[in-house]
Protein backbone atom coordinates (compact mmCIF):
# COMPACT_ATOMS: atom_id res chain seq x y z
CA MET A 1 0.03 -0.26 0.06
CA ASN A 2 2.58 2.08 0.94
CA THR A 3 4.91 1.03 -2.31
CA ASN A 4 1.77 2.09 -4.56
CA LYS A 5 1.27 5.80 -2.69
CA ALA A 6 4.70 6.34 -3.28
CA ASN A 7 4.33 5.41 -6.80
CA THR A 8 1.74 7.61 -7.09
CA VAL A 9 3.61 10.70 -5.35
CA LYS A 10 6.67 9.99 -7.88
CA THR A 11 4.03 9.61 -10.52
CA SER A 12 2.22 13.07 -10.19
CA LEU A 13 5.64 14.82 -9.44
CA LYS A 14 7.00 14.07 -12.88
CA VAL A 15 3.25 14.94 -14.15
CA SER A 16 4.28 18.41 -12.57
CA VAL A 17 7.65 19.17 -13.79
CA LEU A 18 6.98 17.67 -17.01
CA ALA A 19 3.72 20.25 -17.57
CA SER A 20 6.16 23.26 -16.01
CA MET A 21 8.57 22.72 -18.05
CA ILE A 22 5.73 22.46 -21.04
CA ALA A 23 4.33 25.55 -19.88
CA LEU A 24 7.81 27.52 -19.63
CA ALA A 25 8.62 26.24 -23.50
CA ILE A 26 5.39 27.74 -24.85
CA SER A 27 6.00 31.22 -22.74
CA GLY A 28 9.23 31.07 -24.36
CA CYS A 29 8.23 30.56 -27.75
CA GLN A 30 5.62 33.41 -26.95
CA ASN A 31 8.06 35.81 -25.56
CA THR A 32 10.50 35.18 -28.55
CA ASP A 33 7.72 36.01 -31.34
CA THR A 34 6.52 38.73 -28.87
CA SER A 35 10.34 40.20 -29.46
CA GLU A 36 10.57 39.71 -32.83
CA GLN A 37 7.01 41.35 -33.46
CA ARG A 38 8.14 44.27 -31.41
CA ALA A 39 12.12 44.47 -32.95
CA GLU A 40 10.40 44.65 -36.66
CA GLN A 41 7.45 47.13 -35.67
CA ASP A 42 10.22 49.37 -34.06
CA LYS A 43 11.79 49.36 -37.51
CA ARG A 44 8.97 50.14 -39.43
CA VAL A 45 8.41 53.03 -37.27
CA LYS A 46 11.93 54.13 -37.53
CA VAL A 47 11.28 53.66 -41.59
CA ALA A 48 8.26 55.68 -41.38
CA LYS A 49 9.69 58.34 -39.13
CA THR A 50 12.95 58.60 -41.74
CA GLU A 51 10.48 59.03 -44.80
CA GLU A 52 8.09 61.61 -43.39
CA LEU A 53 11.71 63.97 -41.87
CA LYS A 54 13.25 63.47 -45.92
CA ARG A 55 9.73 64.65 -47.22
CA GLN A 56 9.35 67.56 -44.55
CA GLN A 57 13.17 68.36 -45.33
CA TYR A 58 12.13 68.37 -49.42
CA GLU A 59 8.94 70.50 -48.79
CA GLN A 60 11.13 73.04 -46.62
CA GLU A 61 13.77 73.06 -49.51
CA ARG A 62 11.22 73.30 -52.31
CA VAL A 63 9.59 76.47 -51.24
CA VAL A 64 11.62 77.50 -48.12
CA VAL A 65 9.40 80.01 -46.31
CA THR A 66 6.14 81.03 -47.89
CA GLY A 67 2.38 81.96 -47.38
CA GLN A 68 1.46 79.87 -50.37
CA ARG A 69 3.44 76.77 -50.91
CA ILE A 70 3.70 75.17 -54.02
CA ASN A 71 2.63 71.46 -53.12
CA ALA A 72 -0.08 69.02 -53.63
CA ASN A 73 -2.94 71.28 -52.22
CA ALA A 74 -1.74 74.04 -53.95
CA LYS A 75 -3.83 75.85 -57.06
CA GLU A 76 -4.35 73.88 -60.03
CA ARG A 77 -3.22 76.62 -62.50
CA SER A 78 0.34 77.25 -60.24
CA VAL A 79 0.88 73.33 -60.64
CA SER A 80 0.42 73.17 -64.56
CA LEU A 81 2.38 76.24 -64.77
CA TYR A 82 5.80 75.53 -62.50
CA ASP A 83 5.68 71.68 -62.45
CA ALA A 84 8.11 71.40 -64.71
CA ALA A 85 10.96 73.53 -62.89
CA LEU A 86 10.79 71.36 -59.74
CA PRO A 87 13.40 68.37 -59.89
CA ALA A 88 12.63 65.18 -58.09
CA PRO A 89 13.08 65.05 -54.71
CA GLN A 90 16.47 64.82 -53.05
CA ALA A 91 17.93 64.73 -49.41
CA PRO A 92 19.19 68.97 -48.96
CA ALA A 93 22.95 69.26 -48.91
CA MET A 94 24.51 70.15 -45.81
CA TRP A 95 26.77 73.28 -45.68
CA GLN A 96 29.22 74.61 -43.36
CA GLN A 97 31.43 78.15 -43.51
CA PRO A 98 34.07 77.54 -46.15
CA GLU A 99 37.72 77.46 -44.01
CA VAL A 100 39.31 78.72 -47.20
CA ASN A 101 38.58 81.80 -49.44
CA ARG A 102 36.87 80.22 -52.55
CA GLU A 103 36.17 83.49 -54.36
CA GLN A 104 36.22 83.97 -58.10
CA TYR A 105 37.48 86.49 -60.40
CA GLN A 106 38.24 86.05 -64.17
CA HIS A 107 41.47 86.70 -64.77
CA PHE A 108 42.92 89.81 -67.07
CA ASP A 109 45.85 91.74 -67.53
CA ASP A 110 46.13 95.12 -68.15
CA SER A 111 45.40 97.14 -71.16
CA GLY A 112 48.74 97.59 -72.73
CA ILE A 113 50.59 100.49 -74.85
CA PHE A 114 49.28 100.84 -78.19
CA LEU A 115 51.17 102.97 -80.83
CA ALA A 116 49.04 105.32 -82.76
CA LYS A 117 50.85 104.59 -86.15
CA GLU A 118 50.27 100.86 -85.83
CA GLN A 119 46.90 100.50 -84.21
CA PRO A 120 45.36 104.20 -84.27
CA VAL A 121 41.74 102.52 -83.65
CA SER A 122 40.49 101.53 -79.90
CA THR A 123 36.84 99.89 -79.85
CA PHE A 124 35.10 98.50 -76.51
CA SER A 125 31.46 98.60 -75.00
CA ILE A 126 30.66 100.72 -72.27
CA ASP A 127 30.06 99.50 -68.60
CA VAL A 128 27.77 100.70 -65.94
CA ASP A 129 28.47 98.25 -63.09
CA THR A 130 29.74 99.37 -59.74
CA GLY A 131 30.50 96.04 -58.20
CA SER A 132 34.02 95.71 -58.21
CA TYR A 133 34.08 99.12 -56.01
CA SER A 134 32.03 98.20 -53.25
CA ASN A 135 33.27 94.36 -53.20
CA VAL A 136 37.02 95.50 -53.04
CA ARG A 137 35.55 98.05 -49.68
CA ARG A 138 34.56 94.87 -48.14
CA MET A 139 37.69 93.41 -48.35
CA LEU A 140 39.55 97.08 -47.48
CA ASN A 141 37.19 97.08 -44.38
CA ASP A 142 37.48 93.26 -43.80
CA GLY A 143 41.61 94.37 -43.33
CA TYR A 144 43.05 92.78 -46.57
CA LEU A 145 44.66 93.47 -49.72
CA PRO A 146 41.85 92.44 -52.63
CA PRO A 147 43.45 89.99 -55.37
CA GLU A 148 44.41 91.85 -58.31
CA ASP A 149 41.38 91.04 -60.70
CA ALA A 150 38.68 91.62 -58.15
CA VAL A 151 39.64 95.33 -59.22
CA ARG A 152 38.43 96.50 -62.16
CA LEU A 153 39.30 100.26 -63.18
CA GLU A 154 36.58 101.25 -65.40
CA GLU A 155 33.82 100.27 -62.14
CA PHE A 156 36.15 102.26 -59.75
CA VAL A 157 35.76 105.26 -61.91
CA ASN A 158 31.77 104.90 -62.67
CA TYR A 159 30.79 104.65 -58.97
CA PHE A 160 31.10 107.97 -58.77
CA ASN A 161 29.03 111.13 -60.83
CA TYR A 162 30.54 113.54 -61.77
CA ASP A 163 29.26 117.51 -63.21
CA TYR A 164 28.68 116.48 -66.97
CA GLN A 165 26.41 118.06 -69.52
CA THR A 166 23.05 116.54 -69.78
CA PRO A 167 20.64 115.64 -72.63
CA ASP A 168 16.59 117.57 -71.85
CA SER A 169 14.70 113.99 -73.26
CA THR A 170 14.98 110.75 -73.74
CA GLU A 171 15.06 111.21 -78.10
CA GLN A 172 18.59 111.90 -76.80
CA PRO A 173 19.38 109.36 -74.49
CA PHE A 174 22.90 110.50 -73.31
CA ALA A 175 25.06 113.58 -73.39
CA VAL A 176 29.00 113.23 -74.49
CA ASN A 177 31.48 115.02 -72.65
CA THR A 178 35.27 115.58 -73.73
CA HIS A 179 38.32 116.82 -71.48
CA VAL A 180 41.73 116.75 -72.09
CA PHE A 181 44.64 117.33 -68.78
CA SER A 182 47.78 116.42 -67.69
CA ALA A 183 47.84 112.97 -66.66
CA PRO A 184 49.28 113.25 -62.60
CA TRP A 185 51.27 110.17 -62.95
CA ASN A 186 53.14 111.69 -66.09
CA SER A 187 54.11 114.93 -66.60
CA ASN A 188 54.79 114.19 -70.40
CA ALA A 189 51.49 112.71 -71.08
CA TYR A 190 47.74 113.71 -70.73
CA LEU A 191 44.42 112.14 -69.83
CA MET A 192 41.60 111.93 -72.46
CA GLU A 193 38.34 111.85 -70.85
CA ILE A 194 35.00 110.70 -72.41
CA GLY A 195 31.99 111.43 -70.21
CA ILE A 196 28.29 110.28 -71.02
CA LYS A 197 25.80 110.98 -69.07
CA GLY A 198 22.21 109.29 -69.19
CA TYR A 199 18.75 111.56 -69.34
CA GLU A 200 17.34 111.43 -65.77
CA PRO A 201 13.70 111.41 -65.58
CA GLU A 202 11.67 112.68 -62.69
CA LYS A 203 10.53 110.12 -60.12
CA GLN A 204 6.70 110.31 -61.28
CA GLU A 205 8.53 110.01 -65.06
CA LEU A 206 9.65 106.36 -64.76
CA PRO A 207 6.62 103.92 -66.27
CA PRO A 208 5.20 100.63 -64.66
CA SER A 209 7.81 97.70 -63.33
CA ASN A 210 7.56 94.47 -63.41
CA LEU A 211 9.93 93.06 -61.04
CA VAL A 212 10.76 89.75 -60.41
CA TYR A 213 12.95 88.85 -56.91
CA LEU A 214 14.92 86.34 -57.51
CA ILE A 215 16.39 84.80 -54.06
CA ASP A 216 19.14 82.60 -53.30
CA VAL A 217 17.70 81.18 -49.89
CA SER A 218 20.56 77.58 -50.23
CA GLY A 219 22.53 76.77 -46.86
CA SER A 220 25.28 79.14 -48.41
CA MET A 221 23.28 82.00 -47.92
CA ASN A 222 22.62 81.21 -43.96
CA SER A 223 24.17 84.56 -42.55
CA GLU A 224 23.38 88.20 -42.01
CA ASP A 225 25.43 89.58 -44.53
CA LYS A 226 23.85 87.22 -47.27
CA LEU A 227 20.16 86.48 -47.07
CA GLY A 228 19.93 88.73 -43.94
CA LEU A 229 20.96 91.93 -45.92
CA VAL A 230 18.94 90.51 -48.98
CA LYS A 231 15.79 91.10 -46.84
CA LYS A 232 16.49 94.66 -46.02
CA SER A 233 17.80 95.68 -49.46
CA LEU A 234 15.00 94.53 -51.27
CA LYS A 235 12.47 96.26 -48.97
CA LEU A 236 14.27 99.20 -49.46
CA LEU A 237 13.28 98.67 -52.96
CA ALA A 238 9.60 98.01 -52.55
CA GLN A 239 9.09 101.17 -50.44
CA GLU A 240 9.67 103.03 -53.41
CA SER A 241 7.59 101.09 -55.70
CA SER A 242 3.92 102.07 -56.35
CA ASP A 243 0.43 100.69 -57.36
CA GLN A 244 1.31 100.81 -61.15
CA ASP A 245 4.21 98.40 -60.34
CA LYS A 246 4.05 94.55 -59.81
CA ILE A 247 6.45 92.61 -57.14
CA SER A 248 7.11 88.96 -57.38
CA ILE A 249 9.23 86.74 -55.42
CA VAL A 250 10.68 83.65 -56.61
CA VAL A 251 13.22 81.64 -54.22
CA TYR A 252 15.42 78.41 -55.25
CA ALA A 253 17.96 76.26 -52.93
CA GLY A 254 17.89 72.23 -54.11
CA ALA A 255 14.22 73.28 -56.34
CA SER A 256 12.49 76.46 -57.04
CA GLY A 257 9.03 77.64 -56.10
CA VAL A 258 7.14 80.88 -55.90
CA VAL A 259 6.78 82.80 -52.63
CA LEU A 260 4.81 85.74 -53.97
CA GLU A 261 2.40 85.62 -57.26
CA PRO A 262 2.68 89.66 -58.85
CA THR A 263 1.59 91.87 -56.23
CA LYS A 264 0.91 95.35 -56.56
CA GLY A 265 4.03 97.53 -55.74
CA ASN A 266 2.08 99.32 -52.50
CA ASP A 267 0.85 96.26 -50.89
CA ARG A 268 3.82 96.42 -48.45
CA MET A 269 2.39 94.17 -46.07
CA ALA A 270 2.11 91.09 -48.40
CA ILE A 271 5.83 92.19 -49.85
CA GLU A 272 7.50 92.38 -46.55
CA GLN A 273 5.75 89.21 -45.18
CA ALA A 274 6.87 87.27 -48.02
CA LEU A 275 10.65 88.59 -47.28
CA ASP A 276 10.30 88.21 -43.33
CA ARG A 277 9.65 84.11 -44.07
CA LEU A 278 12.23 83.37 -45.73
CA SER A 279 14.57 81.05 -44.48
CA ALA A 280 18.17 79.26 -46.03
CA GLY A 281 18.72 75.26 -45.95
CA GLY A 282 20.21 73.21 -48.94
CA SER A 283 21.69 72.87 -52.17
CA THR A 284 21.75 75.70 -54.89
CA ASN A 285 19.72 74.85 -58.53
CA GLY A 286 20.21 78.25 -59.88
CA GLY A 287 19.14 77.36 -63.58
CA ALA A 288 15.94 76.28 -62.14
CA GLY A 289 15.25 79.38 -60.60
CA ILE A 290 16.57 81.78 -63.55
CA GLU A 291 13.70 79.48 -65.70
CA LEU A 292 11.03 80.04 -63.17
CA ALA A 293 11.71 83.70 -62.45
CA TYR A 294 11.46 84.11 -65.95
CA LYS A 295 8.37 82.73 -66.56
CA LEU A 296 6.64 84.50 -63.79
CA ALA A 297 8.17 87.84 -65.57
CA GLU A 298 6.43 87.03 -68.19
CA GLN A 299 3.18 86.12 -66.97
CA ALA A 300 2.87 89.59 -65.74
CA PHE A 301 4.94 91.03 -68.69
CA ILE A 302 3.58 95.32 -68.59
CA LYS A 303 3.91 96.31 -72.17
CA ASP A 304 6.46 99.94 -72.84
CA GLY A 305 6.80 99.20 -69.10
CA ILE A 306 10.08 97.93 -67.14
CA ASN A 307 10.24 94.24 -66.69
CA ARG A 308 13.05 92.73 -65.18
CA VAL A 309 14.36 90.11 -62.92
CA ILE A 310 16.81 90.79 -59.81
CA LEU A 311 19.09 87.98 -59.01
CA THR A 312 20.30 88.65 -55.37
CA THR A 313 22.99 85.12 -54.30
CA ASP A 314 26.42 84.57 -53.65
CA GLY A 315 26.37 83.14 -56.95
CA ASP A 316 27.75 79.56 -55.90
CA PHE A 317 25.32 77.16 -57.97
CA ASN A 318 26.57 73.77 -56.57
CA VAL A 319 23.51 71.61 -58.30
CA GLY A 320 21.05 71.39 -61.71
CA THR A 321 22.69 73.99 -64.24
CA VAL A 322 26.34 74.53 -62.76
CA ASN A 323 28.75 75.17 -65.82
CA ARG A 324 28.82 78.74 -66.06
CA GLU A 325 28.49 78.83 -70.16
CA GLN A 326 25.57 77.40 -69.62
CA LEU A 327 23.87 79.62 -67.27
CA ILE A 328 25.56 82.78 -69.51
CA ASP A 329 23.71 81.01 -72.54
CA LEU A 330 20.45 80.43 -70.68
CA VAL A 331 20.22 84.18 -69.63
CA GLU A 332 21.71 85.74 -73.25
CA ARG A 333 18.43 83.53 -75.12
CA LYS A 334 16.47 85.19 -72.53
CA ARG A 335 16.86 89.06 -73.05
CA GLU A 336 15.28 88.52 -76.54
CA SER A 337 12.11 88.32 -74.27
CA GLY A 338 12.35 91.85 -73.46
CA ILE A 339 13.15 91.13 -69.94
CA SER A 340 16.37 92.52 -68.65
CA PHE A 341 18.43 90.66 -65.87
CA THR A 342 20.17 92.60 -62.91
CA THR A 343 22.43 90.86 -60.28
CA LEU A 344 23.06 91.90 -56.68
CA GLY A 345 26.15 89.88 -54.93
CA PHE A 346 26.11 89.27 -51.71
CA GLY A 347 28.72 87.81 -49.29
CA ARG A 348 31.92 86.82 -48.72
CA GLY A 349 34.34 83.35 -48.50
CA ASN A 350 32.51 81.76 -51.62
CA TYR A 351 31.21 84.41 -53.48
CA ASN A 352 31.46 84.27 -57.52
CA GLU A 353 31.87 87.47 -58.93
CA HIS A 354 32.90 85.91 -61.89
CA LEU A 355 29.81 84.51 -62.85
CA MET A 356 27.41 87.95 -61.49
CA GLU A 357 29.34 89.90 -63.59
CA GLN A 358 28.88 87.95 -66.37
CA LEU A 359 25.34 87.20 -66.01
CA ALA A 360 24.30 90.92 -65.92
CA ASP A 361 26.43 91.52 -68.91
CA LYS A 362 24.80 88.99 -71.12
CA GLY A 363 21.12 89.74 -69.64
CA ASN A 364 21.06 93.36 -70.46
CA GLY A 365 21.23 94.21 -67.31
CA ASN A 366 23.24 95.53 -64.73
CA TYR A 367 25.67 94.21 -61.84
CA GLY A 368 26.00 95.46 -58.21
CA TYR A 369 27.54 94.24 -54.82
CA ILE A 370 26.25 95.12 -51.70
CA ASP A 371 28.39 94.94 -48.69
CA SER A 372 26.06 97.36 -46.51
CA LEU A 373 22.70 98.91 -45.92
CA GLN A 374 23.88 102.26 -47.24
CA GLU A 375 25.02 100.63 -50.44
CA ALA A 376 21.92 99.25 -51.08
CA ARG A 377 20.19 102.70 -50.45
CA LYS A 378 22.57 104.01 -53.17
CA LEU A 379 22.13 101.77 -55.69
CA LEU A 380 17.97 101.13 -55.22
CA VAL A 381 16.75 104.10 -53.69
CA GLU A 382 19.17 106.92 -54.74
CA GLN A 383 19.71 105.41 -58.36
CA ARG A 384 16.50 103.69 -58.43
CA ALA A 385 15.95 104.76 -62.03
CA GLY A 386 19.48 103.79 -63.37
CA THR A 387 19.40 100.19 -61.93
CA LEU A 388 15.84 99.87 -63.12
CA MET A 389 15.51 101.65 -66.45
CA THR A 390 17.49 101.05 -69.63
CA ILE A 391 17.85 104.53 -72.08
CA ALA A 392 20.13 103.13 -74.30
CA LYS A 393 21.08 99.65 -75.27
CA ASP A 394 24.11 97.97 -76.95
CA VAL A 395 26.18 101.34 -76.53
CA LYS A 396 29.88 100.78 -77.93
CA ILE A 397 32.70 103.57 -77.97
CA GLN A 398 35.65 103.82 -80.82
CA VAL A 399 38.47 105.94 -81.17
CA GLU A 400 40.34 107.03 -83.88
CA PHE A 401 43.60 108.50 -82.98
CA ASN A 402 45.55 110.77 -85.26
CA PRO A 403 48.80 109.06 -85.56
CA GLN A 404 50.54 112.80 -86.77
CA VAL A 405 49.43 113.96 -83.60
CA VAL A 406 49.46 110.90 -80.81
CA ALA A 407 52.48 108.48 -80.43
CA GLU A 408 50.97 106.15 -77.91
CA TYR A 409 47.62 106.12 -76.12
CA ARG A 410 46.44 103.53 -73.36
CA LEU A 411 42.88 102.67 -72.40
CA LEU A 412 42.59 102.65 -68.56
CA GLY A 413 40.30 99.62 -67.73
CA TYR A 414 37.74 98.18 -69.80
CA GLU A 415 39.76 95.01 -70.33
CA ASN A 416 36.85 92.78 -70.49
CA ARG A 417 34.98 94.66 -72.87
CA ALA A 418 37.30 95.12 -74.82
CA LEU A 419 35.53 94.46 -79.04
CA ASN A 420 37.22 93.72 -82.30
CA ARG A 421 37.26 97.15 -84.95
CA GLU A 422 34.83 95.64 -86.84
CA ASP A 423 32.42 95.02 -84.09
CA PHE A 424 31.60 98.64 -84.09
CA ASN A 425 29.28 98.42 -86.96
CA ASN A 426 27.69 95.49 -86.26
CA ASP A 427 24.65 96.01 -84.42
CA LYS A 428 24.39 92.09 -83.75
CA VAL A 429 27.15 92.32 -81.43
CA ASP A 430 26.29 92.84 -78.01
CA ALA A 431 26.83 95.57 -75.93
CA GLY A 432 26.64 97.58 -72.50
CA GLU A 433 23.21 99.45 -71.38
CA ILE A 434 23.27 102.99 -70.46
CA GLY A 435 20.34 103.68 -67.39
CA ALA A 436 18.30 106.87 -66.51
CA GLY A 437 20.88 109.12 -64.84
CA HIS A 438 24.07 106.88 -65.06
CA THR A 439 27.16 108.35 -66.05
CA VAL A 440 29.96 107.01 -67.65
CA THR A 441 33.97 107.54 -67.72
CA ALA A 442 36.62 106.43 -70.12
CA LEU A 443 39.84 107.54 -69.71
CA TYR A 444 42.80 107.43 -72.15
CA GLU A 445 46.61 108.07 -71.27
CA VAL A 446 47.55 109.83 -74.54
CA VAL A 447 51.13 110.92 -75.25
CA LEU A 448 52.01 112.82 -78.36
CA VAL A 449 54.35 112.63 -81.23
CA GLY A 450 57.85 114.44 -79.96
CA SER A 451 57.37 114.39 -76.52
CA GLU A 452 59.91 112.86 -73.92
CA GLY A 453 57.14 110.62 -72.27
CA ARG A 454 56.86 108.00 -74.95
CA ARG A 455 57.40 103.92 -73.89
CA VAL A 456 57.56 103.01 -76.91
CA ASP A 457 60.89 103.92 -79.06
CA GLU A 458 60.31 104.80 -83.17
CA LEU A 459 61.37 102.63 -85.74
CA ARG A 460 64.55 102.83 -87.63
CA TYR A 461 63.01 101.53 -90.70
CA GLY A 462 59.48 102.99 -90.39
CA GLU A 463 57.73 104.70 -92.91
CA ARG A 464 57.34 108.21 -92.62
CA GLU A 465 53.58 109.20 -93.77
CA ALA A 466 53.18 112.62 -95.84
CA GLN A 467 51.10 114.64 -93.09
CA GLN A 468 47.44 115.76 -94.24
CA GLN A 469 47.09 119.38 -93.20
CA LYS A 470 43.43 119.36 -93.15
CA LEU A 471 43.44 116.87 -90.70
CA ALA A 472 46.72 118.03 -88.59
CA ASP A 473 44.67 119.85 -86.29
CA GLU A 474 42.87 116.89 -85.16
CA ALA A 475 43.93 114.64 -82.48
CA ALA A 476 40.99 112.32 -82.13
CA LEU A 477 38.02 111.71 -83.48
CA VAL A 478 35.28 109.80 -80.77
CA LYS A 479 32.33 107.74 -82.02
CA LEU A 480 29.84 106.08 -80.16
CA ARG A 481 26.77 103.32 -81.48
CA TYR A 482 23.97 103.04 -79.65
CA LYS A 483 20.24 101.57 -79.46
CA MET A 484 16.78 102.65 -77.71
CA PRO A 485 15.36 100.22 -76.01
CA ASP A 486 12.88 99.35 -78.40
CA GLU A 487 14.96 99.42 -81.79
CA ASP A 488 17.17 96.88 -83.36
CA ASP A 489 19.22 99.18 -85.74
CA SER A 490 21.66 101.66 -84.13
CA LYS A 491 22.46 105.25 -84.17
CA LEU A 492 25.98 107.15 -84.42
CA ILE A 493 27.51 110.06 -82.58
CA SER A 494 30.63 111.87 -83.94
CA HIS A 495 32.64 113.98 -81.75
CA VAL A 496 36.13 115.08 -82.77
CA ILE A 497 38.99 116.39 -79.74
CA ASP A 498 41.37 119.21 -81.11
CA ARG A 499 45.27 118.89 -80.79
CA LYS A 500 45.08 122.42 -79.31
CA GLN A 501 42.93 121.07 -76.21
CA PHE A 502 46.45 119.28 -75.53
CA SER A 503 48.29 121.65 -73.71
CA GLN A 504 50.30 121.45 -70.47
CA SER A 505 48.46 124.67 -69.08
CA ASN A 506 45.06 122.87 -69.02
CA ALA A 507 45.44 121.25 -65.41
CA ALA A 508 42.92 118.98 -64.05
CA ALA A 509 40.34 120.81 -62.19
CA GLY A 510 37.64 119.14 -59.64
CA ASP A 511 35.83 116.39 -61.27
CA ARG A 512 38.89 115.63 -63.22
CA GLN A 513 41.13 115.35 -60.48
CA PHE A 514 39.05 113.05 -58.59
CA ALA A 515 38.44 110.69 -61.82
CA ALA A 516 42.14 110.91 -62.01
CA SER A 517 42.68 109.71 -58.21
CA VAL A 518 40.19 106.97 -58.42
CA ALA A 519 41.94 105.45 -61.88
CA GLY A 520 45.08 105.86 -59.67
CA PHE A 521 43.90 104.16 -56.77
CA ALA A 522 42.86 100.96 -58.65
CA GLN A 523 46.09 101.06 -60.94
CA LEU A 524 47.97 100.70 -57.57
CA LEU A 525 45.69 98.06 -56.52
CA ARG A 526 46.92 96.20 -59.11
CA GLY A 527 50.71 96.61 -58.72
CA GLY A 528 51.16 100.41 -60.50
CA ARG A 529 52.80 98.96 -63.70
CA TYR A 530 52.35 102.32 -65.33
CA LEU A 531 52.74 104.75 -62.81
CA ASN A 532 55.96 106.00 -62.59
CA GLY A 533 56.59 105.24 -59.04
CA TRP A 534 53.67 107.53 -58.52
CA ASP A 535 52.42 106.50 -54.91
CA TRP A 536 50.04 106.32 -52.28
CA GLN A 537 50.43 109.43 -50.58
CA GLN A 538 50.38 111.37 -53.53
CA ALA A 539 47.07 109.60 -54.97
CA ILE A 540 45.70 110.25 -51.26
CA GLU A 541 46.76 114.27 -51.63
CA LEU A 542 45.10 114.38 -54.98
CA ALA A 543 41.95 112.85 -53.93
CA GLN A 544 41.91 115.21 -51.00
CA THR A 545 42.46 118.41 -53.05
CA SER A 546 39.83 117.56 -55.42
CA LYS A 547 37.01 115.84 -53.04
CA GLY A 548 34.18 118.91 -53.72
CA ALA A 549 31.15 118.95 -51.89
CA ASP A 550 30.53 115.40 -51.11
CA LYS A 551 27.40 115.85 -50.13
CA ASP A 552 26.81 111.90 -49.63
CA GLY A 553 30.15 111.24 -48.17
CA TYR A 554 31.44 108.89 -50.94
CA ARG A 555 34.66 110.85 -51.79
CA GLY A 556 35.59 110.94 -48.37
CA GLU A 557 35.00 107.02 -47.52
CA MET A 558 37.15 106.47 -50.68
CA ILE A 559 40.21 108.57 -49.57
CA GLN A 560 39.96 106.76 -46.32
CA LEU A 561 39.99 103.42 -48.05
CA MET A 562 43.10 104.28 -50.00
CA LYS A 563 44.86 105.20 -46.34
CA MET A 564 43.79 101.55 -45.61
CA ALA A 565 45.25 100.30 -48.71
CA GLN A 566 48.22 102.33 -47.74
CA LEU A 567 48.80 101.05 -44.59
CA LEU A 568 47.95 97.29 -45.89
CA ASP A 569 50.35 97.56 -48.86
CA GLY A 570 53.04 98.64 -46.18
CA GLN A 571 52.49 95.78 -43.80
CA ASN A 572 52.85 93.71 -46.96
CA ASP A 573 56.47 95.13 -48.18
CA GLN A 574 57.54 94.66 -44.70
CA ALA A 575 56.73 91.28 -44.46
CA ASP A 576 58.03 90.68 -47.88
CA GLY A 577 61.33 92.25 -46.79
CA GLN A 578 61.57 90.25 -43.68
CA VAL A 579 61.44 86.96 -45.78
CA SER A 580 64.05 88.47 -48.49
CA ASN A 581 66.31 89.17 -45.63
CA GLN A 582 66.08 85.48 -44.23
């Protein structure tokens, strides 16, 4: 009996242990299944979050900040018009402040000296841009000398206004002024000045404008001297607009979008709110932005009005159409639509000035660099008419020197505006535009026949030409060709410079002296190859004695910049001396 009980207990224990083991096994399997399910679920959640983040980032890049996004919920009209400009979604590129200076400038050599007997004709396109001066000002204020290729002499001289005779109406869009005076850096040479002053209408006479602000909002613009200054600058421009004007805003980063449809220029709140909402992020697809801006400008086109795209950027295009020649070709094709293209540069470190200047040139517009709100006021408020309203296009200058009077000549600046002699009469060749009220100055350094100032020796076996008596008193013939803004055939203006204007007693005075000091400033920054030892102190003294009234202070500011450049140049000389001594 006891044995049976014992067996029964043993059997019960075995059953209990086996049941427990089975239960534990089942529980373990259930736990394993639950862990795998949780892991799979976590994975799905993580993927979903990643996809949602990418989508949000893409939407932010697509239209960075706007009161009316271009997305699936946008108006059907907007989608059908602009979807072609929107590339496929992509993750935004991360941007970091460049550690090295990646600024880009077009290389050029100073204009050389030409013998009037061998090459009597000089031909070039006018240039009203001023971006080189304000960009160099930024560098000097930052405490370093600019690279030589950043210095374009004509843009230094044309930064300032001079007291030239002006035309009375747009029927004669500009007046031509000529002066001759002694060259400050060469007592045996003269400066021959050709000054053009454009007709300047009253503010109320400006035609209505259709302006498209094309704003770079990529990651490289994320600083106060870039996008921050862009917003403030464009607000100044908008404040001068009326209800007859239209303003639109297009932005681009990795993709492009419309932030503000064409809006009346006096709707300040809508325009300023659209600007205030902008922020920077992503890569830079400038080509797509340009295409979209032109589409919007064509949509809001004003016949007989001002139609212009205004690009604000550091020029650092890095996705989409990034080839400089392709971008220039794009703008060159679009200018046939009657829409001009202005570029305003901002920022430092990665600034592509070469591209900015070329885009404006080929787009029948102008190029400026904005380094401060004061410069924005000068370009967009004080010179609003000149910046926006073109009064003459494809303006070319050709000077023929009389080799019986002039031995040598040198054009100061305009190196990248040189044209072939035959281009002057070819209306198919593009040239520069003059805006309302613009002043354009060109300076030639001229040495007369028989002067001790000649830099090139006479040829021993050169043929002596018989002097033509009736032309003996002419030193040079100045010719200008230009087209009216809405015409395709050019008009010609001719002006003779007499030999008697070349006189040692014909000393420079006032504006003439100041223009010469500005030209000297630019040449010193480029190494002063042709200045015969004329130095910084002499340039500064010349500018000081010819500063004049200087109502806005721009001339006085230049004198301070000259002093800064003198100091920095001296430091470089000392450093070079220490290196050579070692």
